Amino acid sequence: MATTTTRRLLLLRLVGLLVLASAGGCGGSNGGPSPLPTQPSASTLDTLTGTWSGSASDSSGPGQMSWQITQSDMSFSGTVTMTDSGTGLAGRGSVSGTVSSGSIRFSISVPAGGFDSPYASCTAEVSGDGQVSTSSITGTYSGSNSCADAITSGQLSLNRQ
């Protein structure tokens, strides 16, 4: 009979093999083993750190958006400020996400108290995907606002400041 420790080691090895099989398939183009993934270079690790500002538009109308973010490995987080073009009302919250090979996935959250009065009790949550370069972030998003209809058809275009 196998001991508990031996069973755990076998299970870990099996899980490792499954991960390798799903990530690498049956081998490289020449039938040999697939090369191991490389770590991101230092130049790609801090691509997003800084301030990004530009336009955003969704079913609630057009506006301006600014992200102040810090990237760590392939994840980022920071603050977001958005201003409605029609009313001048602002919302402040957090942004977080991941970046990989020029693609970005992000979530924005505005808590109660994050919007100017008379909407201070409202909250909003959106998530989206897009593309990132050293000078721009473009993407689409959707989500919800506790004081209005669903947020749909969101588009943003931010530039490094």
Protein backbone atom coordinates (compact mmCIF):
# COMPACT_ATOMS: atom_id res chain seq x y z
CA MET A 1 0.00 0.00 0.00
CA ALA A 2 1.22 3.48 -0.86
CA THR A 3 1.66 5.97 1.92
CA THR A 4 -0.25 9.25 1.95
CA THR A 5 2.96 11.13 1.09
CA THR A 6 3.64 8.82 -1.87
CA ARG A 7 0.07 9.26 -3.16
CA ARG A 8 0.37 13.04 -2.91
CA LEU A 9 3.65 13.01 -4.86
CA LEU A 10 2.07 10.84 -7.57
CA LEU A 11 -0.96 13.15 -7.73
CA LEU A 12 1.28 16.22 -8.02
CA ARG A 13 3.24 14.56 -10.84
CA LEU A 14 0.01 13.67 -12.65
CA VAL A 15 -1.27 17.22 -12.34
CA GLY A 16 2.09 18.50 -13.61
CA LEU A 17 1.93 16.18 -16.61
CA LEU A 18 -1.63 17.28 -17.40
CA VAL A 19 -0.58 20.93 -17.26
CA LEU A 20 2.39 20.26 -19.54
CA ALA A 21 0.24 18.29 -21.97
CA SER A 22 -2.39 20.98 -22.18
CA ALA A 23 0.17 23.76 -22.55
CA GLY A 24 2.54 22.05 -24.95
CA GLY A 25 0.60 19.46 -26.88
CA CYS A 26 2.56 16.49 -28.20
CA GLY A 27 5.72 18.32 -29.12
CA GLY A 28 7.27 20.96 -31.28
CA SER A 29 6.93 21.26 -35.03
CA ASN A 30 9.76 18.76 -35.55
CA GLY A 31 8.12 16.16 -33.29
CA GLY A 32 10.53 16.84 -30.43
CA PRO A 33 9.64 18.29 -27.10
CA SER A 34 8.13 21.75 -27.02
CA PRO A 35 10.43 24.47 -25.75
CA LEU A 36 9.80 25.67 -22.23
CA PRO A 37 7.98 29.00 -21.99
CA THR A 38 10.24 31.94 -21.42
CA GLN A 39 9.87 34.53 -18.70
CA PRO A 40 8.82 37.98 -19.89
CA SER A 41 11.71 40.28 -20.50
CA ALA A 42 12.31 43.27 -18.24
CA SER A 43 11.12 45.56 -21.04
CA THR A 44 7.66 43.96 -21.09
CA LEU A 45 7.19 43.78 -17.33
CA ASP A 46 6.65 47.49 -16.74
CA THR A 47 4.86 48.33 -19.97
CA LEU A 48 1.71 49.60 -18.23
CA THR A 49 3.13 51.37 -15.16
CA GLY A 50 2.17 55.04 -15.34
CA THR A 51 -0.74 57.31 -16.21
CA TRP A 52 -3.05 56.62 -19.16
CA SER A 53 -5.76 59.09 -20.24
CA GLY A 54 -8.22 59.39 -23.07
CA SER A 55 -11.79 58.91 -24.16
CA ALA A 56 -14.41 56.39 -23.13
CA SER A 57 -17.93 55.97 -24.42
CA ASP A 58 -20.70 53.53 -23.54
CA SER A 59 -24.48 53.32 -23.28
CA SER A 60 -24.41 55.99 -20.55
CA GLY A 61 -22.68 58.47 -22.88
CA PRO A 62 -19.23 59.81 -23.75
CA GLY A 63 -16.56 60.92 -21.32
CA GLN A 64 -12.93 61.05 -20.35
CA MET A 65 -11.08 58.33 -18.42
CA SER A 66 -7.72 58.19 -16.67
CA TRP A 67 -5.89 55.19 -15.19
CA GLN A 68 -2.96 55.54 -12.77
CA ILE A 69 -1.55 52.01 -12.64
CA THR A 70 1.38 49.92 -11.53
CA GLN A 71 2.30 46.65 -13.22
CA SER A 72 3.83 43.69 -11.40
CA ASP A 73 4.75 40.76 -13.65
CA MET A 74 1.71 40.20 -15.86
CA SER A 75 -0.84 41.86 -13.50
CA PHE A 76 -1.64 45.50 -12.89
CA SER A 77 -3.74 47.56 -10.52
CA GLY A 78 -4.40 51.17 -9.69
CA THR A 79 -6.96 53.93 -9.65
CA VAL A 80 -9.40 55.13 -12.29
CA THR A 81 -11.12 58.48 -12.70
CA MET A 82 -13.86 59.10 -15.26
CA THR A 83 -15.76 62.26 -16.10
CA ASP A 84 -19.06 62.43 -17.97
CA SER A 85 -18.77 64.84 -20.92
CA GLY A 86 -22.39 66.01 -20.69
CA THR A 87 -22.67 66.69 -16.96
CA GLY A 88 -19.06 67.03 -15.78
CA LEU A 89 -19.83 64.55 -12.98
CA ALA A 90 -16.92 62.32 -12.00
CA GLY A 91 -16.47 58.79 -10.70
CA ARG A 92 -13.42 57.40 -8.91
CA GLY A 93 -12.54 53.78 -8.27
CA SER A 94 -10.07 51.01 -8.93
CA VAL A 95 -8.83 49.23 -12.02
CA SER A 96 -7.03 45.89 -12.16
CA GLY A 97 -6.22 43.26 -14.72
CA THR A 98 -3.71 41.20 -16.62
CA VAL A 99 -1.62 41.74 -19.72
CA SER A 100 -0.11 39.14 -22.04
CA SER A 101 1.35 39.37 -25.54
CA GLY A 102 -0.23 42.73 -26.31
CA SER A 103 -3.66 41.76 -24.96
CA ILE A 104 -5.23 43.22 -21.86
CA ARG A 105 -8.10 42.07 -19.64
CA PHE A 106 -9.36 44.58 -17.08
CA SER A 107 -11.99 45.22 -14.40
CA ILE A 108 -13.10 48.61 -13.09
CA SER A 109 -14.99 49.06 -9.83
CA VAL A 110 -16.51 52.28 -8.49
CA PRO A 111 -17.73 51.82 -4.90
CA ALA A 112 -20.50 53.72 -3.13
CA GLY A 113 -19.16 57.22 -2.51
CA GLY A 114 -17.06 57.06 -5.68
CA PHE A 115 -19.47 59.12 -7.79
CA ASP A 116 -20.19 62.83 -7.35
CA SER A 117 -23.51 63.87 -5.80
CA PRO A 118 -26.36 63.22 -6.49
CA TYR A 119 -25.07 59.73 -7.43
CA ALA A 120 -22.84 59.12 -4.39
CA SER A 121 -24.82 56.02 -3.35
CA CYS A 122 -24.38 54.38 -6.77
CA THR A 123 -21.83 51.67 -7.59
CA ALA A 124 -20.52 50.44 -10.93
CA GLU A 125 -18.63 47.36 -12.14
CA VAL A 126 -17.33 46.82 -15.67
CA SER A 127 -14.93 44.39 -17.27
CA GLY A 128 -13.36 44.31 -20.69
CA ASP A 129 -10.65 43.23 -23.08
CA GLY A 130 -8.39 45.05 -25.45
CA GLN A 131 -4.99 45.66 -26.92
CA VAL A 132 -2.01 47.41 -25.39
CA SER A 133 1.20 48.87 -26.77
CA THR A 134 3.87 51.03 -25.16
CA SER A 135 1.83 54.14 -26.02
CA SER A 136 -1.87 53.17 -26.10
CA ILE A 137 -4.60 50.99 -24.63
CA THR A 138 -7.77 50.33 -26.62
CA GLY A 139 -10.60 48.10 -25.55
CA THR A 140 -14.25 47.28 -25.14
CA TYR A 141 -16.17 46.79 -21.90
CA SER A 142 -19.59 46.18 -20.36
CA GLY A 143 -21.03 45.89 -16.89
CA SER A 144 -23.55 47.29 -14.47
CA ASN A 145 -24.43 50.44 -12.55
CA SER A 146 -26.61 50.14 -9.44
CA CYS A 147 -28.49 53.37 -10.27
CA ALA A 148 -29.02 52.93 -14.02
CA ASP A 149 -29.41 50.39 -16.78
CA ALA A 150 -26.69 47.95 -17.76
CA ILE A 151 -23.50 49.47 -19.18
CA THR A 152 -23.15 48.23 -22.77
CA SER A 153 -21.20 49.01 -25.93
CA GLY A 154 -18.24 50.42 -23.97
CA GLN A 155 -15.16 51.54 -25.88
CA LEU A 156 -12.04 53.19 -24.50
CA SER A 157 -8.92 54.63 -26.06
CA LEU A 158 -6.20 55.69 -23.62
CA ASN A 159 -2.76 57.13 -24.30
CA ARG A 160 0.31 57.09 -22.09
CA GLN A 161 0.84 60.46 -20.44
